[in-house]
């Protein structure tokens, strides 16, 4: 693994799934699991390839190979009957995401997993922001604005993200099928680790800056995001997803202009 990246392990056998379950199944006082999903058109209309779980106490990322394991990734059980599905659906085990919506959509539609116990760092940022909250912020700009990293570390993070994106994003000449290629490309592994390893620092900084009223709002909106992502009417690419929940866009007469995510 490149300098600056947390160590990682590919989980692609039933035995390794059980070992991971035994590592993460016990609830902790503070969130210890930070998650992200990758796949081909990741949503109800696509497929899920990799579930990345960053385990904070170990400072280690586990890449669960859903493409190889299929449904077994979520149904293989430890001796006490715990599965990854059990953990993902437990309200007592905190799971932290950055924009949970399409991840929830894919898990619910493809694997009947009803996420609970979720915290959404993107909503925390929108609530903590001192200025206007009309638009949500993407992960890269959130890292630049809030992550406790040096300028050199932020540049290294962005460079790793760009190398991964060049392999999978069609606009850069890549293909999402790279997430299903085995063995995984090293730059794809770094990309997956990249998206979760700094979530703990972001979560602590942003959640810690919120008062009780805003914390309550974030919790409510996170639950609302999950319910909306499971609805038949959910649009994974909907234009309205660019807006924060507390400042709605003002309708305009004629053509509507939509701004990009900040």
Foldseek 3Di string as FASTA:
>chain_A
DDPLFFAEEEAQDLVSQLVVCVVQVDADPDAFWEWDWAFAVQALVTATAWIWIQGRVVRYIYTYGCLRCPLSQFQRAHPVRDGVLNQQQDQRHAYEYAQCQSVLRRCCNRHVRQGHNYAHLQLLCLLLDPDHSWFTADPLVLCVVFFPDDPVSNVVLVVLLVVLCCAPPVVNVHHSCLSVDPPRDPSVVRNRSSRTSRVVRSCCVSVVSDDPVSVVVSVVVVSVSSVLSHDPPDDPPDLQNRTHPPDYDDDDPDDDDGDHHD
